[in-house]
Amino acid sequence: MPLVDTRREGWAGLHAAFSRVARSSWLEALDVYNAAWRRGLTTPEIDALAVPSSLGERHANGYWVKEGVFRQIRKRLAEARAADAGQTTRLNGLERDLTRLYYTGRFPEYVARIADVPAQ
């Protein structure tokens, strides 16, 4: 996201910038949510966040959907490691990759790797 000169942009420019950021974040969150839902990694709380009613909620909920799914993935990987010690190395590598992709904002790759998380 480029730096915004708030004085030069004024209210209309700031509103447009916020709208772009909120929409972009929301589209990433929807991709993450759909991938997680297919693996059984959503919760009722995450499901509720997936139905925002305004642009402001899309902005806020987009973050929390992505964060909630990330936490569910880590929880599921810990459960899978406990259930099958033979998969520890593979699951540790998957968790490392998912963590790197999540924190660097590479969501298309992150969404693709969610398919490798053991299903519920």
PDB file of N, CA and C in Angstrom:
ATOM      1  N   MET A   1       0.846  -1.169   0.000  1.00  0.00           N
ATOM      2  CA  MET A   1       0.000   0.000   0.000  1.00  0.00           C
ATOM      3  C   MET A   1       0.892   1.233   0.000  1.00  0.00           C
ATOM      4  N   PRO A   2       0.740   2.106  -0.964  1.00  0.00           N
ATOM      5  CA  PRO A   2       1.557   3.317  -1.018  1.00  0.00           C
ATOM      6  C   PRO A   2       1.158   4.306   0.077  1.00  0.00           C
ATOM      7  N   LEU A   3       2.090   5.166   0.391  1.00  0.00           N
ATOM      8  CA  LEU A   3       1.843   6.225   1.368  1.00  0.00           C
ATOM      9  C   LEU A   3       0.825   7.210   0.801  1.00  0.00           C
ATOM     10  N   VAL A   4      -0.122   7.636   1.633  1.00  0.00           N
ATOM     11  CA  VAL A   4      -1.190   8.540   1.187  1.00  0.00           C
ATOM     12  C   VAL A   4      -0.974   9.910   1.814  1.00  0.00           C
ATOM     13  N   ASP A   5      -0.954  10.939   0.971  1.00  0.00           N
ATOM     14  CA  ASP A   5      -0.870  12.310   1.453  1.00  0.00           C
ATOM     15  C   ASP A   5      -2.298  12.733   1.819  1.00  0.00           C
ATOM     16  N   THR A   6      -2.609  12.695   3.104  1.00  0.00           N
ATOM     17  CA  THR A   6      -3.982  12.916   3.552  1.00  0.00           C
ATOM     18  C   THR A   6      -4.493  14.308   3.222  1.00  0.00           C
ATOM     19  N   ARG A   7      -3.633  15.306   3.294  1.00  0.00           N
ATOM     20  CA  ARG A   7      -4.085  16.666   2.999  1.00  0.00           C
ATOM     21  C   ARG A   7      -4.453  16.808   1.522  1.00  0.00           C
ATOM     22  N   ARG A   8      -3.593  16.269   0.661  1.00  0.00           N
ATOM     23  CA  ARG A   8      -3.851  16.376  -0.771  1.00  0.00           C
ATOM     24  C   ARG A   8      -5.070  15.547  -1.187  1.00  0.00           C
ATOM     25  N   GLU A   9      -5.241  14.390  -0.610  1.00  0.00           N
ATOM     26  CA  GLU A   9      -6.338  13.496  -0.991  1.00  0.00           C
ATOM     27  C   GLU A   9      -7.688  13.999  -0.497  1.00  0.00           C
ATOM     28  N   GLY A  10      -7.722  14.552   0.682  1.00  0.00           N
ATOM     29  CA  GLY A  10      -8.993  15.004   1.245  1.00  0.00           C
ATOM     30  C   GLY A  10      -9.883  13.819   1.596  1.00  0.00           C
ATOM     31  N   TRP A  11     -11.113  14.135   1.992  1.00  0.00           N
ATOM     32  CA  TRP A  11     -12.018  13.078   2.439  1.00  0.00           C
ATOM     33  C   TRP A  11     -12.313  12.090   1.320  1.00  0.00           C
ATOM     34  N   ALA A  12     -12.589  12.553   0.129  1.00  0.00           N
ATOM     35  CA  ALA A  12     -12.950  11.663  -0.985  1.00  0.00           C
ATOM     36  C   ALA A  12     -11.803  10.710  -1.315  1.00  0.00           C
ATOM     37  N   GLY A  13     -10.586  11.220  -1.320  1.00  0.00           N
ATOM     38  CA  GLY A  13      -9.428  10.373  -1.602  1.00  0.00           C
ATOM     39  C   GLY A  13      -9.178   9.349  -0.515  1.00  0.00           C
ATOM     40  N   LEU A  14      -9.351   9.773   0.737  1.00  0.00           N
ATOM     41  CA  LEU A  14      -9.169   8.838   1.846  1.00  0.00           C
ATOM     42  C   LEU A  14     -10.249   7.763   1.841  1.00  0.00           C
ATOM     43  N   HIS A  15     -11.458   8.169   1.533  1.00  0.00           N
ATOM     44  CA  HIS A  15     -12.550   7.203   1.457  1.00  0.00           C
ATOM     45  C   HIS A  15     -12.283   6.180   0.348  1.00  0.00           C
ATOM     46  N   ALA A  16     -11.806   6.636  -0.791  1.00  0.00           N
ATOM     47  CA  ALA A  16     -11.494   5.729  -1.902  1.00  0.00           C
ATOM     48  C   ALA A  16     -10.360   4.782  -1.521  1.00  0.00           C
ATOM     49  N   ALA A  17      -9.330   5.289  -0.836  1.00  0.00           N
ATOM     50  CA  ALA A  17      -8.210   4.440  -0.409  1.00  0.00           C
ATOM     51  C   ALA A  17      -8.685   3.395   0.593  1.00  0.00           C
ATOM     52  N   PHE A  18      -9.504   3.822   1.559  1.00  0.00           N
ATOM     53  CA  PHE A  18     -10.035   2.888   2.539  1.00  0.00           C
ATOM     54  C   PHE A  18     -10.884   1.813   1.855  1.00  0.00           C
ATOM     55  N   SER A  19     -11.702   2.216   0.912  1.00  0.00           N
ATOM     56  CA  SER A  19     -12.549   1.265   0.191  1.00  0.00           C
ATOM     57  C   SER A  19     -11.714   0.230  -0.551  1.00  0.00           C
ATOM     58  N   ARG A  20     -10.633   0.675  -1.199  1.00  0.00           N
ATOM     59  CA  ARG A  20      -9.753  -0.261  -1.910  1.00  0.00           C
ATOM     60  C   ARG A  20      -9.122  -1.261  -0.953  1.00  0.00           C
ATOM     61  N   VAL A  21      -8.619  -0.763   0.164  1.00  0.00           N
ATOM     62  CA  VAL A  21      -7.963  -1.633   1.142  1.00  0.00           C
ATOM     63  C   VAL A  21      -8.973  -2.614   1.735  1.00  0.00           C
ATOM     64  N   ALA A  22     -10.149  -2.130   2.100  1.00  0.00           N
ATOM     65  CA  ALA A  22     -11.169  -2.989   2.705  1.00  0.00           C
ATOM     66  C   ALA A  22     -11.620  -4.064   1.734  1.00  0.00           C
ATOM     67  N   ARG A  23     -11.849  -3.700   0.495  1.00  0.00           N
ATOM     68  CA  ARG A  23     -12.296  -4.688  -0.503  1.00  0.00           C
ATOM     69  C   ARG A  23     -11.218  -5.730  -0.766  1.00  0.00           C
ATOM     70  N   SER A  24      -9.988  -5.279  -0.881  1.00  0.00           N
ATOM     71  CA  SER A  24      -8.882  -6.205  -1.126  1.00  0.00           C
ATOM     72  C   SER A  24      -8.720  -7.185   0.034  1.00  0.00           C
ATOM     73  N   SER A  25      -8.732  -6.668   1.244  1.00  0.00           N
ATOM     74  CA  SER A  25      -8.611  -7.512   2.431  1.00  0.00           C
ATOM     75  C   SER A  25      -9.770  -8.496   2.522  1.00  0.00           C
ATOM     76  N   TRP A  26     -10.964  -8.026   2.197  1.00  0.00           N
ATOM     77  CA  TRP A  26     -12.142  -8.882   2.278  1.00  0.00           C
ATOM     78  C   TRP A  26     -12.079 -10.014   1.252  1.00  0.00           C
ATOM     79  N   LEU A  27     -11.628  -9.720   0.055  1.00  0.00           N
ATOM     80  CA  LEU A  27     -11.513 -10.771  -0.966  1.00  0.00           C
ATOM     81  C   LEU A  27     -10.487 -11.824  -0.562  1.00  0.00           C
ATOM     82  N   GLU A  28      -9.378 -11.393   0.044  1.00  0.00           N
ATOM     83  CA  GLU A  28      -8.399 -12.349   0.569  1.00  0.00           C
ATOM     84  C   GLU A  28      -9.035 -13.207   1.658  1.00  0.00           C
ATOM     85  N   ALA A  29      -9.780 -12.572   2.560  1.00  0.00           N
ATOM     86  CA  ALA A  29     -10.423 -13.286   3.660  1.00  0.00           C
ATOM     87  C   ALA A  29     -11.427 -14.310   3.139  1.00  0.00           C
ATOM     88  N   LEU A  30     -12.176 -13.956   2.112  1.00  0.00           N
ATOM     89  CA  LEU A  30     -13.137 -14.906   1.541  1.00  0.00           C
ATOM     90  C   LEU A  30     -12.443 -16.120   0.946  1.00  0.00           C
ATOM     91  N   ASP A  31     -11.331 -15.898   0.274  1.00  0.00           N
ATOM     92  CA  ASP A  31     -10.569 -17.025  -0.274  1.00  0.00           C
ATOM     93  C   ASP A  31     -10.065 -17.934   0.846  1.00  0.00           C
ATOM     94  N   VAL A  32      -9.530 -17.325   1.901  1.00  0.00           N
ATOM     95  CA  VAL A  32      -9.037 -18.096   3.048  1.00  0.00           C
ATOM     96  C   VAL A  32     -10.193 -18.850   3.700  1.00  0.00           C
ATOM     97  N   TYR A  33     -11.312 -18.166   3.904  1.00  0.00           N
ATOM     98  CA  TYR A  33     -12.476 -18.786   4.532  1.00  0.00           C
ATOM     99  C   TYR A  33     -12.964 -19.989   3.722  1.00  0.00           C
ATOM    100  N   ASN A  34     -13.096 -19.830   2.422  1.00  0.00           N
ATOM    101  CA  ASN A  34     -13.580 -20.926   1.586  1.00  0.00           C
ATOM    102  C   ASN A  34     -12.643 -22.127   1.620  1.00  0.00           C
ATOM    103  N   ALA A  35     -11.344 -21.888   1.580  1.00  0.00           N
ATOM    104  CA  ALA A  35     -10.379 -22.977   1.653  1.00  0.00           C
ATOM    105  C   ALA A  35     -10.458 -23.677   3.008  1.00  0.00           C
ATOM    106  N   ALA A  36     -10.585 -22.898   4.066  1.00  0.00           N
ATOM    107  CA  ALA A  36     -10.680 -23.483   5.417  1.00  0.00           C
ATOM    108  C   ALA A  36     -11.986 -24.242   5.592  1.00  0.00           C
ATOM    109  N   TRP A  37     -13.065 -23.710   5.055  1.00  0.00           N
ATOM    110  CA  TRP A  37     -14.366 -24.374   5.177  1.00  0.00           C
ATOM    111  C   TRP A  37     -14.329 -25.751   4.517  1.00  0.00           C
ATOM    112  N   ARG A  38     -13.674 -25.846   3.360  1.00  0.00           N
ATOM    113  CA  ARG A  38     -13.563 -27.135   2.670  1.00  0.00           C
ATOM    114  C   ARG A  38     -12.799 -28.158   3.496  1.00  0.00           C
ATOM    115  N   ARG A  39     -11.908 -27.705   4.390  1.00  0.00           N
ATOM    116  CA  ARG A  39     -11.127 -28.618   5.227  1.00  0.00           C
ATOM    117  C   ARG A  39     -11.753 -28.805   6.606  1.00  0.00           C
ATOM    118  N   GLY A  40     -12.885 -28.188   6.871  1.00  0.00           N
ATOM    119  CA  GLY A  40     -13.529 -28.312   8.174  1.00  0.00           C
ATOM    120  C   GLY A  40     -12.830 -27.520   9.257  1.00  0.00           C
ATOM    121  N   LEU A  41     -12.244 -26.393   8.899  1.00  0.00           N
ATOM    122  CA  LEU A  41     -11.450 -25.607   9.837  1.00  0.00           C
ATOM    123  C   LEU A  41     -12.120 -24.315  10.281  1.00  0.00           C
ATOM    124  N   THR A  42     -13.401 -24.179  10.058  1.00  0.00           N
ATOM    125  CA  THR A  42     -14.080 -22.966  10.505  1.00  0.00           C
ATOM    126  C   THR A  42     -14.830 -23.246  11.805  1.00  0.00           C
ATOM    127  N   THR A  43     -15.158 -22.176  12.499  1.00  0.00           N
ATOM    128  CA  THR A  43     -15.907 -22.254  13.746  1.00  0.00           C
ATOM    129  C   THR A  43     -17.170 -21.409  13.582  1.00  0.00           C
ATOM    130  N   PRO A  44     -18.133 -21.537  14.485  1.00  0.00           N
ATOM    131  CA  PRO A  44     -19.309 -20.658  14.397  1.00  0.00           C
ATOM    132  C   PRO A  44     -18.937 -19.170  14.464  1.00  0.00           C
ATOM    133  N   GLU A  45     -17.896 -18.833  15.207  1.00  0.00           N
ATOM    134  CA  GLU A  45     -17.464 -17.438  15.304  1.00  0.00           C
ATOM    135  C   GLU A  45     -16.919 -16.942  13.963  1.00  0.00           C
ATOM    136  N   ILE A  46     -16.113 -17.774  13.323  1.00  0.00           N
ATOM    137  CA  ILE A  46     -15.571 -17.405  12.013  1.00  0.00           C
ATOM    138  C   ILE A  46     -16.695 -17.327  10.988  1.00  0.00           C
ATOM    139  N   ASP A  47     -17.632 -18.265  11.066  1.00  0.00           N
ATOM    140  CA  ASP A  47     -18.777 -18.244  10.151  1.00  0.00           C
ATOM    141  C   ASP A  47     -19.560 -16.939  10.283  1.00  0.00           C
ATOM    142  N   ALA A  48     -19.741 -16.472  11.514  1.00  0.00           N
ATOM    143  CA  ALA A  48     -20.483 -15.227  11.735  1.00  0.00           C
ATOM    144  C   ALA A  48     -19.728 -14.025  11.160  1.00  0.00           C
ATOM    145  N   LEU A  49     -18.416 -14.050  11.251  1.00  0.00           N
ATOM    146  CA  LEU A  49     -17.610 -12.950  10.714  1.00  0.00           C
ATOM    147  C   LEU A  49     -17.651 -12.917   9.186  1.00  0.00           C
ATOM    148  N   ALA A  50     -17.989 -14.030   8.570  1.00  0.00           N
ATOM    149  CA  ALA A  50     -17.977 -14.133   7.106  1.00  0.00           C
ATOM    150  C   ALA A  50     -19.193 -13.482   6.461  1.00  0.00           C
ATOM    151  N   VAL A  51     -20.045 -12.848   7.266  1.00  0.00           N
ATOM    152  CA  VAL A  51     -21.257 -12.205   6.728  1.00  0.00           C
ATOM    153  C   VAL A  51     -21.314 -10.751   7.212  1.00  0.00           C
ATOM    154  N   PRO A  52     -20.415  -9.891   6.706  1.00  0.00           N
ATOM    155  CA  PRO A  52     -20.432  -8.490   7.139  1.00  0.00           C
ATOM    156  C   PRO A  52     -21.556  -7.716   6.467  1.00  0.00           C
ATOM    157  N   SER A  53     -21.969  -6.643   7.112  1.00  0.00           N
ATOM    158  CA  SER A  53     -23.079  -5.860   6.559  1.00  0.00           C
ATOM    159  C   SER A  53     -22.648  -4.487   6.039  1.00  0.00           C
ATOM    160  N   SER A  54     -21.375  -4.153   6.162  1.00  0.00           N
ATOM    161  CA  SER A  54     -20.921  -2.839   5.694  1.00  0.00           C
ATOM    162  C   SER A  54     -19.461  -2.919   5.277  1.00  0.00           C
ATOM    163  N   LEU A  55     -19.007  -1.880   4.639  1.00  0.00           N
ATOM    164  CA  LEU A  55     -17.613  -1.811   4.219  1.00  0.00           C
ATOM    165  C   LEU A  55     -16.684  -1.821   5.437  1.00  0.00           C
ATOM    166  N   GLY A  56     -17.068  -1.115   6.483  1.00  0.00           N
ATOM    167  CA  GLY A  56     -16.266  -1.091   7.706  1.00  0.00           C
ATOM    168  C   GLY A  56     -16.159  -2.467   8.337  1.00  0.00           C
ATOM    169  N   GLU A  57     -17.250  -3.214   8.335  1.00  0.00           N
ATOM    170  CA  GLU A  57     -17.209  -4.573   8.868  1.00  0.00           C
ATOM    171  C   GLU A  57     -16.371  -5.487   7.987  1.00  0.00           C
ATOM    172  N   ARG A  58     -16.413  -5.280   6.682  1.00  0.00           N
ATOM    173  CA  ARG A  58     -15.562  -6.078   5.793  1.00  0.00           C
ATOM    174  C   ARG A  58     -14.097  -5.848   6.134  1.00  0.00           C
ATOM    175  N   HIS A  59     -13.748  -4.591   6.388  1.00  0.00           N
ATOM    176  CA  HIS A  59     -12.366  -4.268   6.735  1.00  0.00           C
ATOM    177  C   HIS A  59     -11.965  -4.960   8.031  1.00  0.00           C
ATOM    178  N   ALA A  60     -12.770  -4.823   9.057  1.00  0.00           N
ATOM    179  CA  ALA A  60     -12.454  -5.410  10.360  1.00  0.00           C
ATOM    180  C   ALA A  60     -12.555  -6.936  10.322  1.00  0.00           C
ATOM    181  N   ASN A  61     -13.635  -7.450   9.769  1.00  0.00           N
ATOM    182  CA  ASN A  61     -13.855  -8.891   9.767  1.00  0.00           C
ATOM    183  C   ASN A  61     -12.872  -9.619   8.869  1.00  0.00           C
ATOM    184  N   GLY A  62     -12.409  -8.949   7.808  1.00  0.00           N
ATOM    185  CA  GLY A  62     -11.419  -9.572   6.939  1.00  0.00           C
ATOM    186  C   GLY A  62     -10.189  -9.988   7.726  1.00  0.00           C
ATOM    187  N   TYR A  63      -9.721  -9.099   8.580  1.00  0.00           N
ATOM    188  CA  TYR A  63      -8.571  -9.428   9.424  1.00  0.00           C
ATOM    189  C   TYR A  63      -8.889 -10.603  10.342  1.00  0.00           C
ATOM    190  N   TRP A  64     -10.038 -10.549  11.014  1.00  0.00           N
ATOM    191  CA  TRP A  64     -10.353 -11.569  12.008  1.00  0.00           C
ATOM    192  C   TRP A  64     -10.670 -12.924  11.375  1.00  0.00           C
ATOM    193  N   VAL A  65     -11.219 -12.941  10.192  1.00  0.00           N
ATOM    194  CA  VAL A  65     -11.432 -14.222   9.499  1.00  0.00           C
ATOM    195  C   VAL A  65     -10.077 -14.860   9.208  1.00  0.00           C
ATOM    196  N   LYS A  66      -9.154 -14.085   8.654  1.00  0.00           N
ATOM    197  CA  LYS A  66      -7.831 -14.624   8.336  1.00  0.00           C
ATOM    198  C   LYS A  66      -7.104 -15.080   9.593  1.00  0.00           C
ATOM    199  N   GLU A  67      -7.184 -14.281  10.652  1.00  0.00           N
ATOM    200  CA  GLU A  67      -6.509 -14.635  11.904  1.00  0.00           C
ATOM    201  C   GLU A  67      -7.156 -15.868  12.546  1.00  0.00           C
ATOM    202  N   GLY A  68      -8.488 -15.923  12.555  1.00  0.00           N
ATOM    203  CA  GLY A  68      -9.177 -17.070  13.143  1.00  0.00           C
ATOM    204  C   GLY A  68      -8.859 -18.361  12.419  1.00  0.00           C
ATOM    205  N   VAL A  69      -8.829 -18.319  11.113  1.00  0.00           N
ATOM    206  CA  VAL A  69      -8.486 -19.515  10.332  1.00  0.00           C
ATOM    207  C   VAL A  69      -7.040 -19.913  10.612  1.00  0.00           C
ATOM    208  N   PHE A  70      -6.139 -18.941  10.671  1.00  0.00           N
ATOM    209  CA  PHE A  70      -4.734 -19.238  10.963  1.00  0.00           C
ATOM    210  C   PHE A  70      -4.606 -19.968  12.305  1.00  0.00           C
ATOM    211  N   ARG A  71      -5.325 -19.511  13.292  1.00  0.00           N
ATOM    212  CA  ARG A  71      -5.276 -20.162  14.605  1.00  0.00           C
ATOM    213  C   ARG A  71      -5.869 -21.565  14.563  1.00  0.00           C
ATOM    214  N   GLN A  72      -6.940 -21.742  13.804  1.00  0.00           N
ATOM    215  CA  GLN A  72      -7.553 -23.071  13.665  1.00  0.00           C
ATOM    216  C   GLN A  72      -6.607 -24.030  12.940  1.00  0.00           C
ATOM    217  N   ILE A  73      -5.898 -23.540  11.961  1.00  0.00           N
ATOM    218  CA  ILE A  73      -4.935 -24.375  11.232  1.00  0.00           C
ATOM    219  C   ILE A  73      -3.843 -24.836  12.181  1.00  0.00           C
ATOM    220  N   ARG A  74      -3.303 -23.924  12.947  1.00  0.00           N
ATOM    221  CA  ARG A  74      -2.231 -24.304  13.887  1.00  0.00           C
ATOM    222  C   ARG A  74      -2.735 -25.303  14.923  1.00  0.00           C
ATOM    223  N   LYS A  75      -3.964 -25.115  15.379  1.00  0.00           N
ATOM    224  CA  LYS A  75      -4.556 -26.050  16.338  1.00  0.00           C
ATOM    225  C   LYS A  75      -4.721 -27.427  15.697  1.00  0.00           C
ATOM    226  N   ARG A  76      -5.220 -27.460  14.466  1.00  0.00           N
ATOM    227  CA  ARG A  76      -5.428 -28.729  13.766  1.00  0.00           C
ATOM    228  C   ARG A  76      -4.114 -29.444  13.494  1.00  0.00           C
ATOM    229  N   LEU A  77      -3.080 -28.709  13.143  1.00  0.00           N
ATOM    230  CA  LEU A  77      -1.776 -29.325  12.913  1.00  0.00           C
ATOM    231  C   LEU A  77      -1.203 -29.904  14.206  1.00  0.00           C
ATOM    232  N   ALA A  78      -1.396 -29.223  15.321  1.00  0.00           N
ATOM    233  CA  ALA A  78      -0.935 -29.754  16.616  1.00  0.00           C
ATOM    234  C   ALA A  78      -1.685 -31.043  16.957  1.00  0.00           C
ATOM    235  N   GLU A  79      -2.988 -31.066  16.699  1.00  0.00           N
ATOM    236  CA  GLU A  79      -3.777 -32.285  16.938  1.00  0.00           C
ATOM    237  C   GLU A  79      -3.304 -33.426  16.048  1.00  0.00           C
ATOM    238  N   ALA A  80      -3.021 -33.139  14.802  1.00  0.00           N
ATOM    239  CA  ALA A  80      -2.577 -34.166  13.861  1.00  0.00           C
ATOM    240  C   ALA A  80      -1.206 -34.710  14.251  1.00  0.00           C
ATOM    241  N   ARG A  81      -0.316 -33.839  14.730  1.00  0.00           N
ATOM    242  CA  ARG A  81       1.000 -34.306  15.188  1.00  0.00           C
ATOM    243  C   ARG A  81       0.863 -35.214  16.400  1.00  0.00           C
ATOM    244  N   ALA A  82      -0.045 -34.874  17.310  1.00  0.00           N
ATOM    245  CA  ALA A  82      -0.253 -35.690  18.503  1.00  0.00           C
ATOM    246  C   ALA A  82      -0.852 -37.049  18.143  1.00  0.00           C
ATOM    247  N   ALA A  83      -1.693 -37.094  17.124  1.00  0.00           N
ATOM    248  CA  ALA A  83      -2.346 -38.333  16.726  1.00  0.00           C
ATOM    249  C   ALA A  83      -1.422 -39.252  15.929  1.00  0.00           C
ATOM    250  N   ASP A  84      -0.485 -38.707  15.201  1.00  0.00           N
ATOM    251  CA  ASP A  84       0.380 -39.506  14.339  1.00  0.00           C
ATOM    252  C   ASP A  84       1.787 -38.932  14.357  1.00  0.00           C
ATOM    253  N   ALA A  85       2.624 -39.472  15.234  1.00  0.00           N
ATOM    254  CA  ALA A  85       3.986 -38.965  15.393  1.00  0.00           C
ATOM    255  C   ALA A  85       4.821 -39.164  14.130  1.00  0.00           C
ATOM    256  N   GLY A  86       4.441 -40.092  13.270  1.00  0.00           N
ATOM    257  CA  GLY A  86       5.182 -40.326  12.040  1.00  0.00           C
ATOM    258  C   GLY A  86       5.063 -39.189  11.033  1.00  0.00           C
ATOM    259  N   GLN A  87       4.084 -38.342  11.203  1.00  0.00           N
ATOM    260  CA  GLN A  87       3.855 -37.220  10.295  1.00  0.00           C
ATOM    261  C   GLN A  87       4.452 -35.906  10.810  1.00  0.00           C
ATOM    262  N   THR A  88       5.142 -35.958  11.933  1.00  0.00           N
ATOM    263  CA  THR A  88       5.624 -34.738  12.585  1.00  0.00           C
ATOM    264  C   THR A  88       6.476 -33.871  11.666  1.00  0.00           C
ATOM    265  N   THR A  89       7.427 -34.463  10.982  1.00  0.00           N
ATOM    266  CA  THR A  89       8.325 -33.687  10.122  1.00  0.00           C
ATOM    267  C   THR A  89       7.546 -32.999   9.007  1.00  0.00           C
ATOM    268  N   ARG A  90       6.652 -33.729   8.343  1.00  0.00           N
ATOM    269  CA  ARG A  90       5.860 -33.157   7.256  1.00  0.00           C
ATOM    270  C   ARG A  90       4.954 -32.042   7.760  1.00  0.00           C
ATOM    271  N   LEU A  91       4.308 -32.287   8.900  1.00  0.00           N
ATOM    272  CA  LEU A  91       3.388 -31.291   9.449  1.00  0.00           C
ATOM    273  C   LEU A  91       4.122 -30.059   9.961  1.00  0.00           C
ATOM    274  N   ASN A  92       5.319 -30.253  10.514  1.00  0.00           N
ATOM    275  CA  ASN A  92       6.123 -29.101  10.951  1.00  0.00           C
ATOM    276  C   ASN A  92       6.510 -28.237   9.753  1.00  0.00           C
ATOM    277  N   GLY A  93       6.876 -28.884   8.647  1.00  0.00           N
ATOM    278  CA  GLY A  93       7.211 -28.147   7.431  1.00  0.00           C
ATOM    279  C   GLY A  93       6.014 -27.398   6.877  1.00  0.00           C
ATOM    280  N   LEU A  94       4.850 -28.055   6.903  1.00  0.00           N
ATOM    281  CA  LEU A  94       3.624 -27.405   6.438  1.00  0.00           C
ATOM    282  C   LEU A  94       3.290 -26.203   7.306  1.00  0.00           C
ATOM    283  N   GLU A  95       3.412 -26.359   8.620  1.00  0.00           N
ATOM    284  CA  GLU A  95       3.125 -25.241   9.520  1.00  0.00           C
ATOM    285  C   GLU A  95       4.100 -24.086   9.296  1.00  0.00           C
ATOM    286  N   ARG A  96       5.359 -24.406   9.095  1.00  0.00           N
ATOM    287  CA  ARG A  96       6.361 -23.377   8.832  1.00  0.00           C
ATOM    288  C   ARG A  96       6.027 -22.617   7.534  1.00  0.00           C
ATOM    289  N   ASP A  97       5.667 -23.358   6.487  1.00  0.00           N
ATOM    290  CA  ASP A  97       5.310 -22.726   5.214  1.00  0.00           C
ATOM    291  C   ASP A  97       4.061 -21.857   5.347  1.00  0.00           C
ATOM    292  N   LEU A  98       3.034 -22.382   6.005  1.00  0.00           N
ATOM    293  CA  LEU A  98       1.796 -21.620   6.179  1.00  0.00           C
ATOM    294  C   LEU A  98       2.028 -20.357   7.004  1.00  0.00           C
ATOM    295  N   THR A  99       2.833 -20.465   8.035  1.00  0.00           N
ATOM    296  CA  THR A  99       3.139 -19.303   8.876  1.00  0.00           C
ATOM    297  C   THR A  99       3.862 -18.236   8.063  1.00  0.00           C
ATOM    298  N   ARG A 100       4.849 -18.648   7.284  1.00  0.00           N
ATOM    299  CA  ARG A 100       5.592 -17.694   6.452  1.00  0.00           C
ATOM    300  C   ARG A 100       4.670 -17.021   5.439  1.00  0.00           C
ATOM    301  N   LEU A 101       3.841 -17.806   4.776  1.00  0.00           N
ATOM    302  CA  LEU A 101       2.936 -17.251   3.770  1.00  0.00           C
ATOM    303  C   LEU A 101       1.919 -16.302   4.401  1.00  0.00           C
ATOM    304  N   TYR A 102       1.397 -16.673   5.569  1.00  0.00           N
ATOM    305  CA  TYR A 102       0.409 -15.825   6.253  1.00  0.00           C
ATOM    306  C   TYR A 102       1.015 -14.480   6.644  1.00  0.00           C
ATOM    307  N   TYR A 103       2.166 -14.522   7.297  1.00  0.00           N
ATOM    308  CA  TYR A 103       2.758 -13.282   7.804  1.00  0.00           C
ATOM    309  C   TYR A 103       3.383 -12.411   6.712  1.00  0.00           C
ATOM    310  N   THR A 104       3.659 -12.981   5.548  1.00  0.00           N
ATOM    311  CA  THR A 104       4.175 -12.168   4.451  1.00  0.00           C
ATOM    312  C   THR A 104       3.055 -11.727   3.512  1.00  0.00           C
ATOM    313  N   GLY A 105       1.819 -12.121   3.803  1.00  0.00           N
ATOM    314  CA  GLY A 105       0.670 -11.665   3.028  1.00  0.00           C
ATOM    315  C   GLY A 105       0.561 -12.288   1.652  1.00  0.00           C
ATOM    316  N   ARG A 106       1.125 -13.462   1.474  1.00  0.00           N
ATOM    317  CA  ARG A 106       1.053 -14.148   0.186  1.00  0.00           C
ATOM    318  C   ARG A 106      -0.162 -15.082   0.200  1.00  0.00           C
ATOM    319  N   PHE A 107      -1.344 -14.471   0.163  1.00  0.00           N
ATOM    320  CA  PHE A 107      -2.579 -15.211   0.381  1.00  0.00           C
ATOM    321  C   PHE A 107      -2.956 -16.184  -0.732  1.00  0.00           C
ATOM    322  N   PRO A 108      -2.683 -15.925  -2.000  1.00  0.00           N
ATOM    323  CA  PRO A 108      -3.003 -16.960  -2.994  1.00  0.00           C
ATOM    324  C   PRO A 108      -2.241 -18.275  -2.733  1.00  0.00           C
ATOM    325  N   GLU A 109      -0.965 -18.165  -2.375  1.00  0.00           N
ATOM    326  CA  GLU A 109      -0.179 -19.358  -2.057  1.00  0.00           C
ATOM    327  C   GLU A 109      -0.654 -19.981  -0.742  1.00  0.00           C
ATOM    328  N   TYR A 110      -0.988 -19.143   0.215  1.00  0.00           N
ATOM    329  CA  TYR A 110      -1.490 -19.602   1.514  1.00  0.00           C
ATOM    330  C   TYR A 110      -2.772 -20.411   1.332  1.00  0.00           C
ATOM    331  N   VAL A 111      -3.683 -19.887   0.528  1.00  0.00           N
ATOM    332  CA  VAL A 111      -4.951 -20.573   0.267  1.00  0.00           C
ATOM    333  C   VAL A 111      -4.688 -21.929  -0.377  1.00  0.00           C
ATOM    334  N   ALA A 112      -3.765 -21.980  -1.315  1.00  0.00           N
ATOM    335  CA  ALA A 112      -3.453 -23.250  -1.979  1.00  0.00           C
ATOM    336  C   ALA A 112      -2.891 -24.269  -0.996  1.00  0.00           C
ATOM    337  N   ARG A 113      -2.087 -23.839  -0.053  1.00  0.00           N
ATOM    338  CA  ARG A 113      -1.476 -24.763   0.922  1.00  0.00           C
ATOM    339  C   ARG A 113      -2.450 -25.209   2.001  1.00  0.00           C
ATOM    340  N   ILE A 114      -3.526 -24.482   2.218  1.00  0.00           N
ATOM    341  CA  ILE A 114      -4.529 -24.910   3.202  1.00  0.00           C
ATOM    342  C   ILE A 114      -5.079 -26.285   2.834  1.00  0.00           C
ATOM    343  N   ALA A 115      -5.108 -26.600   1.554  1.00  0.00           N
ATOM    344  CA  ALA A 115      -5.605 -27.912   1.100  1.00  0.00           C
ATOM    345  C   ALA A 115      -4.755 -29.060   1.640  1.00  0.00           C
ATOM    346  N   ASP A 116      -3.526 -28.780   2.077  1.00  0.00           N
ATOM    347  CA  ASP A 116      -2.643 -29.813   2.614  1.00  0.00           C
ATOM    348  C   ASP A 116      -2.853 -30.074   4.104  1.00  0.00           C
ATOM    349  N   VAL A 117      -3.639 -29.228   4.754  1.00  0.00           N
ATOM    350  CA  VAL A 117      -3.911 -29.400   6.190  1.00  0.00           C
ATOM    351  C   VAL A 117      -4.844 -30.593   6.352  1.00  0.00           C
ATOM    352  N   PRO A 118      -4.541 -31.501   7.288  1.00  0.00           N
ATOM    353  CA  PRO A 118      -5.432 -32.652   7.496  1.00  0.00           C
ATOM    354  C   PRO A 118      -6.858 -32.202   7.840  1.00  0.00           C
ATOM    355  N   ALA A 119      -7.815 -32.819   7.186  1.00  0.00           N
ATOM    356  CA  ALA A 119      -9.221 -32.470   7.415  1.00  0.00           C
ATOM    357  C   ALA A 119      -9.678 -32.987   8.766  1.00  0.00           C
ATOM    358  N   GLN A 120     -10.769 -32.415   9.255  1.00  0.00           N
ATOM    359  CA  GLN A 120     -11.347 -32.844  10.529  1.00  0.00           C
ATOM    360  C   GLN A 120     -11.953 -34.218  10.405  1.00  0.00           C
TER     361      GLN A 120
END
